Amino acid sequence: MVHGHYRQLFLNNSVFLHRYNQRFPSKPKPESEHPPQAPMASLWRAAMGQSEKQPDDYGGVEFWSEPERTGWLTKQGEYIKTWRRRWFVLKQGKLFWFKESTITRASKPRGVIPVATCLTVKGAEDVLNKQNAFELSTRSDTMYFIADSEKEKEDWINSIGRSIVQHSRSVTDSEVVDYDSKK
């Protein structure tokens, strides 16, 4: 009988709303006042408090030509915490990722991280309990990655770290530390 009670409430609410809308019809808004219809991705970004920047907002960086570093990494998803293998490209202070390793002018990144917004890049095996894991942290977020080997992990940490230093403020070439030569 409980099910019947909920059904009756639903019907009563439906009747109420129908009668209310008949008595107090809303005035149609002029066409100029209607907000544009947003795709689901925009709604998700709005709900999560993110900006309207699209992944294709890569500031004219020709990621397909002479990148500073490329390679496969496994990345943890931002909202659904699954792990996905992606092709990463580091160039001119931006870390792009793609589904495929064949990158052309027509390729569209699945995402991009401006490294100037990053505060740290460091190993994260102890955090994730996974070998070859590292993390990249911004003021508001921490992203996790897994490299194929210890050497790959260290190379990515060094490359991203160098890029953070170069793009977080203006530095001269003489100020750049070559982390690779300190081994």
C-alpha atoms as a PDB file:
ATOM      1  CA  MET A   1       0.000   0.000   0.000  1.00  0.00           C
ATOM      2  CA  VAL A   2       2.998   2.307   0.440  1.00  0.00           C
ATOM      3  CA  HIS A   3       3.526   2.296  -3.337  1.00  0.00           C
ATOM      4  CA  GLY A   4      -0.045   3.514  -3.829  1.00  0.00           C
ATOM      5  CA  HIS A   5       0.580   6.377  -1.396  1.00  0.00           C
ATOM      6  CA  TYR A   6       3.568   7.653  -3.432  1.00  0.00           C
ATOM      7  CA  ARG A   7       1.580   7.307  -6.645  1.00  0.00           C
ATOM      8  CA  GLN A   8      -1.242   9.396  -5.159  1.00  0.00           C
ATOM      9  CA  LEU A   9       1.237  12.095  -4.064  1.00  0.00           C
ATOM     10  CA  PHE A  10       2.698  12.182  -7.565  1.00  0.00           C
ATOM     11  CA  LEU A  11      -0.747  12.486  -9.134  1.00  0.00           C
ATOM     12  CA  ASN A  12      -1.762  15.215  -6.665  1.00  0.00           C
ATOM     13  CA  ASN A  13       1.438  17.169  -7.421  1.00  0.00           C
ATOM     14  CA  SER A  14       0.903  16.761 -11.159  1.00  0.00           C
ATOM     15  CA  VAL A  15      -2.674  18.028 -10.894  1.00  0.00           C
ATOM     16  CA  PHE A  16      -1.540  20.934  -8.700  1.00  0.00           C
ATOM     17  CA  LEU A  17       1.202  21.949 -11.139  1.00  0.00           C
ATOM     18  CA  HIS A  18      -1.162  21.703 -14.090  1.00  0.00           C
ATOM     19  CA  ARG A  19      -3.774  23.909 -12.369  1.00  0.00           C
ATOM     20  CA  TYR A  20      -1.116  26.365 -11.140  1.00  0.00           C
ATOM     21  CA  ASN A  21       0.322  26.733 -14.636  1.00  0.00           C
ATOM     22  CA  GLN A  22      -3.178  27.348 -16.029  1.00  0.00           C
ATOM     23  CA  ARG A  23      -3.896  30.093 -13.474  1.00  0.00           C
ATOM     24  CA  PHE A  24      -0.465  31.718 -13.606  1.00  0.00           C
ATOM     25  CA  PRO A  25       0.962  31.216 -17.057  1.00  0.00           C
ATOM     26  CA  SER A  26       4.517  32.421 -17.385  1.00  0.00           C
ATOM     27  CA  LYS A  27       5.091  35.169 -19.869  1.00  0.00           C
ATOM     28  CA  PRO A  28       7.289  34.017 -22.704  1.00  0.00           C
ATOM     29  CA  LYS A  29      10.658  35.730 -22.659  1.00  0.00           C
ATOM     30  CA  PRO A  30      11.766  37.705 -25.669  1.00  0.00           C
ATOM     31  CA  GLU A  31      14.167  35.747 -27.870  1.00  0.00           C
ATOM     32  CA  SER A  32      17.095  37.887 -26.702  1.00  0.00           C
ATOM     33  CA  GLU A  33      16.566  36.829 -23.055  1.00  0.00           C
ATOM     34  CA  HIS A  34      16.687  33.098 -23.721  1.00  0.00           C
ATOM     35  CA  PRO A  35      20.040  31.691 -22.666  1.00  0.00           C
ATOM     36  CA  PRO A  36      21.759  29.640 -25.351  1.00  0.00           C
ATOM     37  CA  GLN A  37      21.310  25.899 -24.990  1.00  0.00           C
ATOM     38  CA  ALA A  38      24.471  24.449 -23.463  1.00  0.00           C
ATOM     39  CA  PRO A  39      25.812  21.024 -24.343  1.00  0.00           C
ATOM     40  CA  MET A  40      26.163  18.493 -21.541  1.00  0.00           C
ATOM     41  CA  ALA A  41      29.893  19.199 -21.174  1.00  0.00           C
ATOM     42  CA  SER A  42      29.195  22.867 -20.450  1.00  0.00           C
ATOM     43  CA  LEU A  43      26.598  21.912 -17.861  1.00  0.00           C
ATOM     44  CA  TRP A  44      29.099  19.560 -16.230  1.00  0.00           C
ATOM     45  CA  ARG A  45      31.779  22.280 -16.133  1.00  0.00           C
ATOM     46  CA  ALA A  46      29.295  24.745 -14.658  1.00  0.00           C
ATOM     47  CA  ALA A  47      28.217  22.249 -11.997  1.00  0.00           C
ATOM     48  CA  MET A  48      31.852  21.559 -11.122  1.00  0.00           C
ATOM     49  CA  GLY A  49      32.717  25.267 -10.988  1.00  0.00           C
ATOM     50  CA  GLN A  50      35.114  25.118 -13.912  1.00  0.00           C
ATOM     51  CA  SER A  51      35.709  27.723 -16.573  1.00  0.00           C
ATOM     52  CA  GLU A  52      34.416  27.505 -20.113  1.00  0.00           C
ATOM     53  CA  LYS A  53      37.913  26.841 -21.501  1.00  0.00           C
ATOM     54  CA  GLN A  54      37.856  24.066 -24.035  1.00  0.00           C
ATOM     55  CA  PRO A  55      40.607  21.457 -24.425  1.00  0.00           C
ATOM     56  CA  ASP A  56      41.374  23.065 -27.789  1.00  0.00           C
ATOM     57  CA  ASP A  57      42.423  26.279 -26.030  1.00  0.00           C
ATOM     58  CA  TYR A  58      46.119  25.568 -26.522  1.00  0.00           C
ATOM     59  CA  GLY A  59      47.302  29.050 -27.268  1.00  0.00           C
ATOM     60  CA  GLY A  60      48.599  28.407 -30.768  1.00  0.00           C
ATOM     61  CA  VAL A  61      51.103  25.774 -29.629  1.00  0.00           C
ATOM     62  CA  GLU A  62      52.015  23.543 -32.574  1.00  0.00           C
ATOM     63  CA  PHE A  63      52.026  20.386 -30.453  1.00  0.00           C
ATOM     64  CA  TRP A  64      52.497  18.178 -33.542  1.00  0.00           C
ATOM     65  CA  SER A  65      55.877  19.744 -34.381  1.00  0.00           C
ATOM     66  CA  GLU A  66      59.105  19.249 -32.387  1.00  0.00           C
ATOM     67  CA  PRO A  67      57.703  18.617 -28.896  1.00  0.00           C
ATOM     68  CA  GLU A  68      59.993  18.772 -25.864  1.00  0.00           C
ATOM     69  CA  ARG A  69      58.860  15.334 -24.688  1.00  0.00           C
ATOM     70  CA  THR A  70      56.366  12.681 -25.781  1.00  0.00           C
ATOM     71  CA  GLY A  71      55.344   9.269 -24.530  1.00  0.00           C
ATOM     72  CA  TRP A  72      52.699   6.967 -23.174  1.00  0.00           C
ATOM     73  CA  LEU A  73      51.496   7.496 -19.616  1.00  0.00           C
ATOM     74  CA  THR A  74      48.553   6.060 -17.754  1.00  0.00           C
ATOM     75  CA  LYS A  75      46.444   8.891 -16.349  1.00  0.00           C
ATOM     76  CA  GLN A  76      43.796   8.785 -13.662  1.00  0.00           C
ATOM     77  CA  GLY A  77      40.477  10.314 -14.734  1.00  0.00           C
ATOM     78  CA  GLU A  78      39.456  13.647 -13.279  1.00  0.00           C
ATOM     79  CA  TYR A  79      35.893  12.786 -12.244  1.00  0.00           C
ATOM     80  CA  ILE A  80      35.624   9.034 -12.622  1.00  0.00           C
ATOM     81  CA  LYS A  81      38.841   7.709 -11.130  1.00  0.00           C
ATOM     82  CA  THR A  82      39.600   5.079 -13.768  1.00  0.00           C
ATOM     83  CA  TRP A  83      43.039   4.708 -15.334  1.00  0.00           C
ATOM     84  CA  ARG A  84      43.466   5.327 -19.067  1.00  0.00           C
ATOM     85  CA  ARG A  85      46.557   5.040 -21.224  1.00  0.00           C
ATOM     86  CA  ARG A  86      47.148   8.257 -23.168  1.00  0.00           C
ATOM     87  CA  TRP A  87      49.835   9.723 -25.415  1.00  0.00           C
ATOM     88  CA  PHE A  88      51.337  12.832 -23.789  1.00  0.00           C
ATOM     89  CA  VAL A  89      53.074  15.746 -25.465  1.00  0.00           C
ATOM     90  CA  LEU A  90      54.954  18.434 -23.523  1.00  0.00           C
ATOM     91  CA  LYS A  91      55.610  21.622 -25.462  1.00  0.00           C
ATOM     92  CA  GLN A  92      55.941  25.321 -24.653  1.00  0.00           C
ATOM     93  CA  GLY A  93      54.634  25.015 -21.116  1.00  0.00           C
ATOM     94  CA  LYS A  94      51.627  22.863 -21.921  1.00  0.00           C
ATOM     95  CA  LEU A  95      51.086  19.166 -21.285  1.00  0.00           C
ATOM     96  CA  PHE A  96      48.654  17.735 -23.863  1.00  0.00           C
ATOM     97  CA  TRP A  97      47.171  14.255 -23.987  1.00  0.00           C
ATOM     98  CA  PHE A  98      45.667  12.275 -26.841  1.00  0.00           C
ATOM     99  CA  LYS A  99      44.127   8.850 -27.406  1.00  0.00           C
ATOM    100  CA  GLU A 100      46.557   8.020 -30.233  1.00  0.00           C
ATOM    101  CA  SER A 101      50.307   8.474 -30.658  1.00  0.00           C
ATOM    102  CA  THR A 102      50.035   9.655 -34.270  1.00  0.00           C
ATOM    103  CA  ILE A 103      49.731  13.420 -33.870  1.00  0.00           C
ATOM    104  CA  THR A 104      49.043  15.764 -36.774  1.00  0.00           C
ATOM    105  CA  ARG A 105      47.920  19.343 -37.226  1.00  0.00           C
ATOM    106  CA  ALA A 106      44.317  18.056 -37.281  1.00  0.00           C
ATOM    107  CA  SER A 107      44.648  16.129 -33.990  1.00  0.00           C
ATOM    108  CA  LYS A 108      42.500  17.303 -31.101  1.00  0.00           C
ATOM    109  CA  PRO A 109      43.924  16.943 -27.589  1.00  0.00           C
ATOM    110  CA  ARG A 110      41.731  15.162 -25.034  1.00  0.00           C
ATOM    111  CA  GLY A 111      43.025  17.670 -22.503  1.00  0.00           C
ATOM    112  CA  VAL A 112      45.751  20.172 -21.725  1.00  0.00           C
ATOM    113  CA  ILE A 113      47.455  21.313 -18.531  1.00  0.00           C
ATOM    114  CA  PRO A 114      49.264  24.672 -18.540  1.00  0.00           C
ATOM    115  CA  VAL A 115      52.330  23.787 -16.452  1.00  0.00           C
ATOM    116  CA  ALA A 116      52.704  27.387 -15.244  1.00  0.00           C
ATOM    117  CA  THR A 117      49.685  26.649 -13.000  1.00  0.00           C
ATOM    118  CA  CYS A 118      51.455  23.638 -11.478  1.00  0.00           C
ATOM    119  CA  LEU A 119      53.169  23.877  -8.115  1.00  0.00           C
ATOM    120  CA  THR A 120      54.878  20.481  -7.837  1.00  0.00           C
ATOM    121  CA  VAL A 121      55.674  17.329  -9.746  1.00  0.00           C
ATOM    122  CA  LYS A 122      56.978  14.389  -7.718  1.00  0.00           C
ATOM    123  CA  GLY A 123      56.885  10.642  -7.254  1.00  0.00           C
ATOM    124  CA  ALA A 124      53.652   9.204  -5.844  1.00  0.00           C
ATOM    125  CA  GLU A 125      54.279   5.481  -5.401  1.00  0.00           C
ATOM    126  CA  ASP A 126      53.555   5.765  -1.673  1.00  0.00           C
ATOM    127  CA  VAL A 127      50.292   7.669  -2.282  1.00  0.00           C
ATOM    128  CA  LEU A 128      48.894   5.312  -4.924  1.00  0.00           C
ATOM    129  CA  ASN A 129      50.727   2.136  -3.933  1.00  0.00           C
ATOM    130  CA  LYS A 130      51.682   1.709  -7.618  1.00  0.00           C
ATOM    131  CA  GLN A 131      55.140   1.496  -9.151  1.00  0.00           C
ATOM    132  CA  ASN A 132      56.353   4.346 -11.379  1.00  0.00           C
ATOM    133  CA  ALA A 133      53.555   6.670 -10.233  1.00  0.00           C
ATOM    134  CA  PHE A 134      53.947  10.431 -10.032  1.00  0.00           C
ATOM    135  CA  GLU A 135      51.717  13.394  -9.297  1.00  0.00           C
ATOM    136  CA  LEU A 136      51.322  16.861 -10.735  1.00  0.00           C
ATOM    137  CA  SER A 137      49.735  19.386  -8.361  1.00  0.00           C
ATOM    138  CA  THR A 138      48.109  22.750  -8.951  1.00  0.00           C
ATOM    139  CA  ARG A 139      46.657  25.044  -6.311  1.00  0.00           C
ATOM    140  CA  SER A 140      43.298  23.247  -6.531  1.00  0.00           C
ATOM    141  CA  ASP A 141      43.949  19.787  -7.946  1.00  0.00           C
ATOM    142  CA  THR A 142      46.337  16.842  -7.983  1.00  0.00           C
ATOM    143  CA  MET A 143      46.612  14.647 -11.064  1.00  0.00           C
ATOM    144  CA  TYR A 144      48.154  11.179 -11.012  1.00  0.00           C
ATOM    145  CA  PHE A 145      50.126   9.390 -13.720  1.00  0.00           C
ATOM    146  CA  ILE A 146      51.920   6.069 -14.102  1.00  0.00           C
ATOM    147  CA  ALA A 147      54.939   5.673 -16.385  1.00  0.00           C
ATOM    148  CA  ASP A 148      56.048   2.407 -17.987  1.00  0.00           C
ATOM    149  CA  SER A 149      59.371   2.336 -16.098  1.00  0.00           C
ATOM    150  CA  GLU A 150      61.289   4.066 -13.319  1.00  0.00           C
ATOM    151  CA  LYS A 151      63.465   5.830 -15.918  1.00  0.00           C
ATOM    152  CA  GLU A 152      60.398   7.083 -17.833  1.00  0.00           C
ATOM    153  CA  LYS A 153      58.896   8.365 -14.583  1.00  0.00           C
ATOM    154  CA  GLU A 154      62.093  10.247 -13.681  1.00  0.00           C
ATOM    155  CA  ASP A 155      62.402  11.651 -17.213  1.00  0.00           C
ATOM    156  CA  TRP A 156      58.811  12.948 -17.120  1.00  0.00           C
ATOM    157  CA  ILE A 157      59.277  14.453 -13.642  1.00  0.00           C
ATOM    158  CA  ASN A 158      62.463  16.212 -14.802  1.00  0.00           C
ATOM    159  CA  SER A 159      60.934  17.472 -18.056  1.00  0.00           C
ATOM    160  CA  ILE A 160      57.746  18.734 -16.408  1.00  0.00           C
ATOM    161  CA  GLY A 161      59.735  20.253 -13.523  1.00  0.00           C
ATOM    162  CA  ARG A 162      61.994  22.098 -15.947  1.00  0.00           C
ATOM    163  CA  SER A 163      58.924  23.341 -17.854  1.00  0.00           C
ATOM    164  CA  ILE A 164      57.274  24.548 -14.631  1.00  0.00           C
ATOM    165  CA  VAL A 165      60.381  26.585 -13.790  1.00  0.00           C
ATOM    166  CA  GLN A 166      60.676  28.011 -17.309  1.00  0.00           C
ATOM    167  CA  HIS A 167      57.019  28.982 -17.669  1.00  0.00           C
ATOM    168  CA  SER A 168      55.991  30.007 -14.159  1.00  0.00           C
ATOM    169  CA  ARG A 169      58.106  33.152 -14.392  1.00  0.00           C
ATOM    170  CA  SER A 170      60.534  34.695 -16.806  1.00  0.00           C
ATOM    171  CA  VAL A 171      63.915  32.968 -16.571  1.00  0.00           C
ATOM    172  CA  THR A 172      67.044  33.202 -18.616  1.00  0.00           C
ATOM    173  CA  ASP A 173      68.775  30.170 -20.106  1.00  0.00           C
ATOM    174  CA  SER A 174      71.590  30.510 -17.547  1.00  0.00           C
ATOM    175  CA  GLU A 175      69.062  30.109 -14.702  1.00  0.00           C
ATOM    176  CA  VAL A 176      67.652  26.827 -16.005  1.00  0.00           C
ATOM    177  CA  VAL A 177      68.937  23.837 -14.050  1.00  0.00           C
ATOM    178  CA  ASP A 178      69.674  20.744 -16.107  1.00  0.00           C
ATOM    179  CA  TYR A 179      68.318  18.047 -13.804  1.00  0.00           C
ATOM    180  CA  ASP A 180      69.473  15.293 -16.160  1.00  0.00           C
ATOM    181  CA  SER A 181      73.167  16.227 -15.793  1.00  0.00           C
ATOM    182  CA  LYS A 182      73.064  15.974 -11.961  1.00  0.00           C
ATOM    183  CA  LYS A 183      72.978  12.159 -11.930  1.00  0.00           C
END
